[in-house]
Amino acid sequence: MFAAVVDAYRRTRKPKDILWNRFVARPLAAVVIVPLARTSVTPNQITLATLPVFLAGAALIAFRPGWGALCAGAAILEISYVLDCADGQLARLKGTSSPVGAHLDFLMDELKAFALVAAVGVRLWSPAHDARFLLEGLGGLVVVAGAISLTTFMRRPEYAAATGAAVRQGAGDYGEGFAASAAAPARRSPLAALESLGRFVVHYPSYILFVALANRIDLFLHAYLVMNAAYAARALLSIARALGRGR
């Protein structure tokens, strides 16, 4: 069994991947896909299954007080993310990757991002009914929706045809596209360091469990929304530059 898991991981890993995926999420996903590879379960079915699992964790975070419930909810979110990795790995293992599967994966990521922001906002608001957290949660939904909408627009082939930009298909969750609308800055520049930080913050599975263990989910919400707002502003500026010129 162990040898089969190692082989599946080697055959389905991505050449360039973030550290959390490489050393945690994808090895665990390989454990999941080995038995599934011999069944009729499809990658799209796994993709769809990630949403109810995620919503269960989000509901625990939103409606169950206490540190234990917060940590349990974050752990369930991590399980959902392992399944999110498993769908793509199973598709690569079976040779059934498809554009519609990539779009379905992105759709699930969109819905999960909305649910996470709402859940954290409700959790922070509920103890004392502090309006600041309620407003931050509502504003966060607008910010995340804007970031996702801009990413979707910039991935359209029509945008690529009009601007000469590369079409980004199957790039994973929209957080991996942070600042993808602009040319890559020089290595070791302050802007490159900021973009690396942005990619890390937006990719919440890499750290949300540790934030929960520290009982500082408020810091997660602040940082997550700031980085999404920064990405949305930069993407919008890039679109304006590309399409706003007179012809």
Foldseek 3Di string as FASTA:
>chain_A
DVVQLVVLLVQQPDPDDDPCCNPPLSSVLSVVLSVVLPDPDALLNLLVVLQVLLLVLLCLLQPPDDLVSLLVSLVSNLVSVSSLSNSSSNCSVVVNDDLVSLVSQQVSLLVSQLSNLLSNLNNVCPPPNDVVSVVLSVVLNVLSVLLSVLLVVCLDVVVCVQQVDDRDTSPGYSLSCQVVLDDQDDPPDPVNVVSVVLSVLCPVNVPSSVCSNVVNVVVSSVSNSVSSNVSSVSSVVSCCVRPVDDD
